[in-house]
Amino acid sequence: ATGHADEPDAPAKAASSAAPEAAVDARIPTTET
């Protein structure tokens, strides 16, 4: 069922099933702010 992310999740089928984060996003700080 659906739920929230601050609880223990259960095993999904495979790590490769997730869509990867975009490799480049100009909005992400590249230096320590």
PDB file of all heavy atoms in Angstrom:
ATOM      1  N   ALA A   1       0.857  -1.181   0.000  1.00  0.00           N
ATOM      2  CA  ALA A   1       0.000   0.000   0.000  1.00  0.00           C
ATOM      3  C   ALA A   1       0.886   1.221   0.000  1.00  0.00           C
ATOM      4  O   ALA A   1       2.081   1.130   0.154  1.00  0.00           O
ATOM      5  CB  ALA A   1      -0.906  -0.004   1.238  1.00  0.00           C
ATOM      6  N   THR A   2       0.285   2.379  -0.166  1.00  0.00           N
ATOM      7  CA  THR A   2       1.088   3.596  -0.161  1.00  0.00           C
ATOM      8  C   THR A   2       1.230   4.120   1.244  1.00  0.00           C
ATOM      9  O   THR A   2       0.399   3.893   2.102  1.00  0.00           O
ATOM     10  CB  THR A   2       0.435   4.677  -1.033  1.00  0.00           C
ATOM     11  OG1 THR A   2      -0.889   4.902  -0.577  1.00  0.00           O
ATOM     12  CG2 THR A   2       0.428   4.251  -2.478  1.00  0.00           C
ATOM     13  N   GLY A   3       2.324   4.877   1.475  1.00  0.00           N
ATOM     14  CA  GLY A   3       2.558   5.408   2.798  1.00  0.00           C
ATOM     15  C   GLY A   3       3.577   6.509   2.741  1.00  0.00           C
ATOM     16  O   GLY A   3       3.894   7.012   1.682  1.00  0.00           O
ATOM     17  N   HIS A   4       4.166   6.863   3.889  1.00  0.00           N
ATOM     18  CA  HIS A   4       5.095   7.988   3.907  1.00  0.00           C
ATOM     19  C   HIS A   4       6.517   7.512   4.079  1.00  0.00           C
ATOM     20  O   HIS A   4       6.781   6.361   4.349  1.00  0.00           O
ATOM     21  CB  HIS A   4       4.693   8.967   5.002  1.00  0.00           C
ATOM     22  CG  HIS A   4       5.375   8.782   6.294  1.00  0.00           C
ATOM     23  ND1 HIS A   4       6.489   9.496   6.623  1.00  0.00           N
ATOM     24  CD2 HIS A   4       5.103   7.998   7.363  1.00  0.00           C
ATOM     25  CE1 HIS A   4       6.865   9.159   7.853  1.00  0.00           C
ATOM     26  NE2 HIS A   4       6.052   8.256   8.307  1.00  0.00           N
ATOM     27  N   ALA A   5       7.451   8.420   3.908  1.00  0.00           N
ATOM     28  CA  ALA A   5       8.834   8.007   3.818  1.00  0.00           C
ATOM     29  C   ALA A   5       9.548   7.977   5.147  1.00  0.00           C
ATOM     30  O   ALA A   5      10.709   7.656   5.187  1.00  0.00           O
ATOM     31  CB  ALA A   5       9.594   8.926   2.871  1.00  0.00           C
ATOM     32  N   ASP A   6       8.903   8.301   6.235  1.00  0.00           N
ATOM     33  CA  ASP A   6       9.585   8.153   7.505  1.00  0.00           C
ATOM     34  C   ASP A   6       9.078   6.912   8.218  1.00  0.00           C
ATOM     35  O   ASP A   6       8.679   6.939   9.372  1.00  0.00           O
ATOM     36  CB  ASP A   6       9.398   9.378   8.397  1.00  0.00           C
ATOM     37  CG  ASP A   6      10.188   9.182   9.669  1.00  0.00           C
ATOM     38  OD1 ASP A   6      11.282   8.623   9.557  1.00  0.00           O
ATOM     39  OD2 ASP A   6       9.705   9.558  10.736  1.00  0.00           O
ATOM     40  N   GLU A   7       9.055   5.817   7.534  1.00  0.00           N
ATOM     41  CA  GLU A   7       8.780   4.543   8.147  1.00  0.00           C
ATOM     42  C   GLU A   7       9.638   3.522   7.465  1.00  0.00           C
ATOM     43  O   GLU A   7      10.181   3.761   6.399  1.00  0.00           O
ATOM     44  CB  GLU A   7       7.311   4.157   7.999  1.00  0.00           C
ATOM     45  CG  GLU A   7       6.940   3.779   6.593  1.00  0.00           C
ATOM     46  CD  GLU A   7       5.586   3.125   6.531  1.00  0.00           C
ATOM     47  OE1 GLU A   7       5.487   1.957   6.868  1.00  0.00           O
ATOM     48  OE2 GLU A   7       4.647   3.791   6.143  1.00  0.00           O
ATOM     49  N   PRO A   8       9.814   2.358   8.062  1.00  0.00           N
ATOM     50  CA  PRO A   8      10.625   1.356   7.398  1.00  0.00           C
ATOM     51  C   PRO A   8       9.955   0.887   6.123  1.00  0.00           C
ATOM     52  O   PRO A   8       8.824   0.440   6.118  1.00  0.00           O
ATOM     53  CB  PRO A   8      10.699   0.219   8.430  1.00  0.00           C
ATOM     54  CG  PRO A   8       9.489   0.400   9.263  1.00  0.00           C
ATOM     55  CD  PRO A   8       9.263   1.886   9.325  1.00  0.00           C
ATOM     56  N   ASP A   9      10.656   1.005   5.025  1.00  0.00           N
ATOM     57  CA  ASP A   9      10.144   0.551   3.743  1.00  0.00           C
ATOM     58  C   ASP A   9      10.402  -0.941   3.626  1.00  0.00           C
ATOM     59  O   ASP A   9      11.126  -1.529   4.399  1.00  0.00           O
ATOM     60  CB  ASP A   9      10.880   1.306   2.634  1.00  0.00           C
ATOM     61  CG  ASP A   9      10.164   1.240   1.301  1.00  0.00           C
ATOM     62  OD1 ASP A   9       9.157   0.530   1.210  1.00  0.00           O
ATOM     63  OD2 ASP A   9      10.637   1.907   0.373  1.00  0.00           O
ATOM     64  N   ALA A  10       9.800  -1.552   2.620  1.00  0.00           N
ATOM     65  CA  ALA A  10      10.038  -2.952   2.363  1.00  0.00           C
ATOM     66  C   ALA A  10      10.851  -3.106   1.094  1.00  0.00           C
ATOM     67  O   ALA A  10      10.914  -2.207   0.263  1.00  0.00           O
ATOM     68  CB  ALA A  10       8.710  -3.679   2.224  1.00  0.00           C
ATOM     69  N   PRO A  11      11.496  -4.253   0.928  1.00  0.00           N
ATOM     70  CA  PRO A  11      12.346  -4.445  -0.236  1.00  0.00           C
ATOM     71  C   PRO A  11      11.601  -4.267  -1.553  1.00  0.00           C
ATOM     72  O   PRO A  11      10.521  -4.801  -1.746  1.00  0.00           O
ATOM     73  CB  PRO A  11      12.832  -5.883  -0.071  1.00  0.00           C
ATOM     74  CG  PRO A  11      12.742  -6.136   1.388  1.00  0.00           C
ATOM     75  CD  PRO A  11      11.547  -5.364   1.858  1.00  0.00           C
ATOM     76  N   ALA A  12      12.185  -3.494  -2.435  1.00  0.00           N
ATOM     77  CA  ALA A  12      11.661  -3.367  -3.784  1.00  0.00           C
ATOM     78  C   ALA A  12      12.288  -4.451  -4.656  1.00  0.00           C
ATOM     79  O   ALA A  12      13.150  -5.192  -4.211  1.00  0.00           O
ATOM     80  CB  ALA A  12      11.983  -1.982  -4.340  1.00  0.00           C
ATOM     81  N   LYS A  13      11.878  -4.544  -5.900  1.00  0.00           N
ATOM     82  CA  LYS A  13      12.345  -5.642  -6.740  1.00  0.00           C
ATOM     83  C   LYS A  13      13.819  -5.502  -7.105  1.00  0.00           C
ATOM     84  O   LYS A  13      14.577  -6.451  -7.063  1.00  0.00           O
ATOM     85  CB  LYS A  13      11.500  -5.710  -8.010  1.00  0.00           C
ATOM     86  CG  LYS A  13      10.080  -6.198  -7.758  1.00  0.00           C
ATOM     87  CD  LYS A  13       9.331  -6.336  -9.060  1.00  0.00           C
ATOM     88  CE  LYS A  13       7.929  -6.872  -8.809  1.00  0.00           C
ATOM     89  NZ  LYS A  13       7.157  -7.018 -10.066  1.00  0.00           N
ATOM     90  N   ALA A  14      14.225  -4.310  -7.498  1.00  0.00           N
ATOM     91  CA  ALA A  14      15.607  -4.153  -7.923  1.00  0.00           C
ATOM     92  C   ALA A  14      15.981  -2.688  -7.896  1.00  0.00           C
ATOM     93  O   ALA A  14      15.191  -1.822  -8.215  1.00  0.00           O
ATOM     94  CB  ALA A  14      15.807  -4.688  -9.347  1.00  0.00           C
ATOM     95  N   ALA A  15      17.249  -2.433  -7.535  1.00  0.00           N
ATOM     96  CA  ALA A  15      17.695  -1.048  -7.451  1.00  0.00           C
ATOM     97  C   ALA A  15      17.689  -0.376  -8.810  1.00  0.00           C
ATOM     98  O   ALA A  15      17.526   0.831  -8.916  1.00  0.00           O
ATOM     99  CB  ALA A  15      19.096  -0.996  -6.849  1.00  0.00           C
ATOM    100  N   SER A  16      17.858  -1.162  -9.867  1.00  0.00           N
ATOM    101  CA  SER A  16      17.943  -0.572 -11.189  1.00  0.00           C
ATOM    102  C   SER A  16      16.603  -0.077 -11.705  1.00  0.00           C
ATOM    103  O   SER A  16      16.539   0.581 -12.740  1.00  0.00           O
ATOM    104  CB  SER A  16      18.499  -1.603 -12.176  1.00  0.00           C
ATOM    105  OG  SER A  16      17.655  -2.732 -12.224  1.00  0.00           O
ATOM    106  N   SER A  17      15.513  -0.352 -10.983  1.00  0.00           N
ATOM    107  CA  SER A  17      14.198   0.041 -11.466  1.00  0.00           C
ATOM    108  C   SER A  17      13.919   1.521 -11.288  1.00  0.00           C
ATOM    109  O   SER A  17      12.996   2.056 -11.865  1.00  0.00           O
ATOM    110  CB  SER A  17      13.111  -0.754 -10.739  1.00  0.00           C
ATOM    111  OG  SER A  17      13.115  -0.437  -9.364  1.00  0.00           O
ATOM    112  N   ALA A  18      14.725   2.203 -10.480  1.00  0.00           N
ATOM    113  CA  ALA A  18      14.468   3.619 -10.230  1.00  0.00           C
ATOM    114  C   ALA A  18      14.991   4.474 -11.366  1.00  0.00           C
ATOM    115  O   ALA A  18      16.039   4.209 -11.945  1.00  0.00           O
ATOM    116  CB  ALA A  18      15.124   4.048  -8.921  1.00  0.00           C
ATOM    117  N   ALA A  19      14.284   5.554 -11.650  1.00  0.00           N
ATOM    118  CA  ALA A  19      14.780   6.519 -12.620  1.00  0.00           C
ATOM    119  C   ALA A  19      15.929   7.284 -12.002  1.00  0.00           C
ATOM    120  O   ALA A  19      15.816   7.791 -10.892  1.00  0.00           O
ATOM    121  CB  ALA A  19      13.666   7.477 -13.022  1.00  0.00           C
ATOM    122  N   PRO A  20      17.099   7.372 -12.647  1.00  0.00           N
ATOM    123  CA  PRO A  20      18.243   8.058 -12.046  1.00  0.00           C
ATOM    124  C   PRO A  20      17.997   9.546 -11.945  1.00  0.00           C
ATOM    125  O   PRO A  20      17.238  10.127 -12.713  1.00  0.00           O
ATOM    126  CB  PRO A  20      19.384   7.752 -13.027  1.00  0.00           C
ATOM    127  CG  PRO A  20      18.703   7.498 -14.335  1.00  0.00           C
ATOM    128  CD  PRO A  20      17.394   6.841 -13.983  1.00  0.00           C
ATOM    129  N   GLU A  21      18.700  10.162 -10.990  1.00  0.00           N
ATOM    130  CA  GLU A  21      18.680  11.609 -10.887  1.00  0.00           C
ATOM    131  C   GLU A  21      19.371  12.208 -12.119  1.00  0.00           C
ATOM    132  O   GLU A  21      20.277  11.620 -12.705  1.00  0.00           O
ATOM    133  CB  GLU A  21      19.449  12.046  -9.628  1.00  0.00           C
ATOM    134  CG  GLU A  21      18.706  11.818  -8.342  1.00  0.00           C
ATOM    135  CD  GLU A  21      17.776  12.964  -8.048  1.00  0.00           C
ATOM    136  OE1 GLU A  21      18.174  14.127  -8.187  1.00  0.00           O
ATOM    137  OE2 GLU A  21      16.646  12.689  -7.682  1.00  0.00           O
ATOM    138  N   ALA A  22      18.932  13.372 -12.494  1.00  0.00           N
ATOM    139  CA  ALA A  22      19.615  14.050 -13.588  1.00  0.00           C
ATOM    140  C   ALA A  22      21.061  14.296 -13.213  1.00  0.00           C
ATOM    141  O   ALA A  22      21.369  14.713 -12.102  1.00  0.00           O
ATOM    142  CB  ALA A  22      18.918  15.372 -13.896  1.00  0.00           C
ATOM    143  N   ALA A  23      21.977  13.986 -14.137  1.00  0.00           N
ATOM    144  CA  ALA A  23      23.394  14.106 -13.836  1.00  0.00           C
ATOM    145  C   ALA A  23      23.794  15.563 -13.657  1.00  0.00           C
ATOM    146  O   ALA A  23      24.705  15.874 -12.913  1.00  0.00           O
ATOM    147  CB  ALA A  23      24.217  13.454 -14.946  1.00  0.00           C
ATOM    148  N   VAL A  24      23.136  16.463 -14.364  1.00  0.00           N
ATOM    149  CA  VAL A  24      23.505  17.866 -14.296  1.00  0.00           C
ATOM    150  C   VAL A  24      22.254  18.688 -14.032  1.00  0.00           C
ATOM    151  O   VAL A  24      21.261  18.584 -14.743  1.00  0.00           O
ATOM    152  CB  VAL A  24      24.169  18.335 -15.607  1.00  0.00           C
ATOM    153  CG1 VAL A  24      24.492  19.814 -15.512  1.00  0.00           C
ATOM    154  CG2 VAL A  24      25.425  17.530 -15.894  1.00  0.00           C
ATOM    155  N   ASP A  25      22.281  19.497 -12.996  1.00  0.00           N
ATOM    156  CA  ASP A  25      21.182  20.403 -12.687  1.00  0.00           C
ATOM    157  C   ASP A  25      21.814  21.682 -12.169  1.00  0.00           C
ATOM    158  O   ASP A  25      22.417  21.698 -11.096  1.00  0.00           O
ATOM    159  CB  ASP A  25      20.253  19.784 -11.649  1.00  0.00           C
ATOM    160  CG  ASP A  25      18.995  20.621 -11.419  1.00  0.00           C
ATOM    161  OD1 ASP A  25      19.035  21.841 -11.659  1.00  0.00           O
ATOM    162  OD2 ASP A  25      17.970  20.048 -10.990  1.00  0.00           O
ATOM    163  N   ALA A  26      21.697  22.727 -12.944  1.00  0.00           N
ATOM    164  CA  ALA A  26      22.371  23.981 -12.610  1.00  0.00           C
ATOM    165  C   ALA A  26      21.898  24.573 -11.291  1.00  0.00           C
ATOM    166  O   ALA A  26      22.557  25.437 -10.720  1.00  0.00           O
ATOM    167  CB  ALA A  26      22.172  24.988 -13.743  1.00  0.00           C
ATOM    168  N   ARG A  27      20.748  24.130 -10.799  1.00  0.00           N
ATOM    169  CA  ARG A  27      20.224  24.672  -9.548  1.00  0.00           C
ATOM    170  C   ARG A  27      20.902  24.079  -8.320  1.00  0.00           C
ATOM    171  O   ARG A  27      20.788  24.608  -7.217  1.00  0.00           O
ATOM    172  CB  ARG A  27      18.723  24.418  -9.465  1.00  0.00           C
ATOM    173  CG  ARG A  27      17.901  25.056 -10.582  1.00  0.00           C
ATOM    174  CD  ARG A  27      16.450  24.605 -10.509  1.00  0.00           C
ATOM    175  NE  ARG A  27      16.334  23.150 -10.629  1.00  0.00           N
ATOM    176  CZ  ARG A  27      15.220  22.466 -10.415  1.00  0.00           C
ATOM    177  NH1 ARG A  27      14.120  23.098 -10.045  1.00  0.00           N
ATOM    178  NH2 ARG A  27      15.200  21.153 -10.559  1.00  0.00           N
ATOM    179  N   ILE A  28      21.601  22.949  -8.473  1.00  0.00           N
ATOM    180  CA  ILE A  28      22.232  22.267  -7.337  1.00  0.00           C
ATOM    181  C   ILE A  28      23.529  22.984  -6.977  1.00  0.00           C
ATOM    182  O   ILE A  28      24.380  23.209  -7.848  1.00  0.00           O
ATOM    183  CB  ILE A  28      22.523  20.798  -7.677  1.00  0.00           C
ATOM    184  CG1 ILE A  28      21.232  20.075  -8.067  1.00  0.00           C
ATOM    185  CG2 ILE A  28      23.191  20.101  -6.504  1.00  0.00           C
ATOM    186  CD1 ILE A  28      21.453  18.663  -8.586  1.00  0.00           C
ATOM    187  N   PRO A  29      23.718  23.354  -5.725  1.00  0.00           N
ATOM    188  CA  PRO A  29      24.970  24.017  -5.328  1.00  0.00           C
ATOM    189  C   PRO A  29      26.172  23.105  -5.553  1.00  0.00           C
ATOM    190  O   PRO A  29      26.170  21.959  -5.104  1.00  0.00           O
ATOM    191  CB  PRO A  29      24.772  24.303  -3.833  1.00  0.00           C
ATOM    192  CG  PRO A  29      23.323  24.161  -3.583  1.00  0.00           C
ATOM    193  CD  PRO A  29      22.799  23.195  -4.588  1.00  0.00           C
ATOM    194  N   THR A  30      27.171  23.582  -6.256  1.00  0.00           N
ATOM    195  CA  THR A  30      28.385  22.804  -6.493  1.00  0.00           C
ATOM    196  C   THR A  30      29.500  23.195  -5.537  1.00  0.00           C
ATOM    197  O   THR A  30      30.582  22.611  -5.572  1.00  0.00           O
ATOM    198  CB  THR A  30      28.860  22.991  -7.942  1.00  0.00           C
ATOM    199  OG1 THR A  30      29.052  24.388  -8.198  1.00  0.00           O
ATOM    200  CG2 THR A  30      27.839  22.428  -8.922  1.00  0.00           C
ATOM    201  N   THR A  31      29.242  24.203  -4.719  1.00  0.00           N
ATOM    202  CA  THR A  31      30.179  24.574  -3.654  1.00  0.00           C
ATOM    203  C   THR A  31      29.432  24.515  -2.327  1.00  0.00           C
ATOM    204  O   THR A  31      28.199  24.486  -2.283  1.00  0.00           O
ATOM    205  CB  THR A  31      30.725  25.997  -3.874  1.00  0.00           C
ATOM    206  OG1 THR A  31      29.625  26.918  -3.911  1.00  0.00           O
ATOM    207  CG2 THR A  31      31.512  26.083  -5.179  1.00  0.00           C
ATOM    208  N   GLU A  32      30.165  24.487  -1.250  1.00  0.00           N
ATOM    209  CA  GLU A  32      29.558  24.386   0.073  1.00  0.00           C
ATOM    210  C   GLU A  32      28.997  25.739   0.493  1.00  0.00           C
ATOM    211  O   GLU A  32      29.728  26.724   0.587  1.00  0.00           O
ATOM    212  CB  GLU A  32      30.580  23.847   1.074  1.00  0.00           C
ATOM    213  CG  GLU A  32      30.886  22.384   0.778  1.00  0.00           C
ATOM    214  CD  GLU A  32      32.047  21.827   1.557  1.00  0.00           C
ATOM    215  OE1 GLU A  32      32.985  22.597   1.850  1.00  0.00           O
ATOM    216  OE2 GLU A  32      32.036  20.611   1.863  1.00  0.00           O
ATOM    217  N   THR A  33      27.695  25.779   0.699  1.00  0.00           N
ATOM    218  CA  THR A  33      27.006  27.029   1.010  1.00  0.00           C
ATOM    219  C   THR A  33      26.701  27.114   2.493  1.00  0.00           C
ATOM    220  O   THR A  33      26.507  26.100   3.166  1.00  0.00           O
ATOM    221  CB  THR A  33      25.696  27.129   0.217  1.00  0.00           C
ATOM    222  OG1 THR A  33      24.849  26.032   0.596  1.00  0.00           O
ATOM    223  CG2 THR A  33      25.956  27.055  -1.277  1.00  0.00           C
TER     224      THR A  33
END
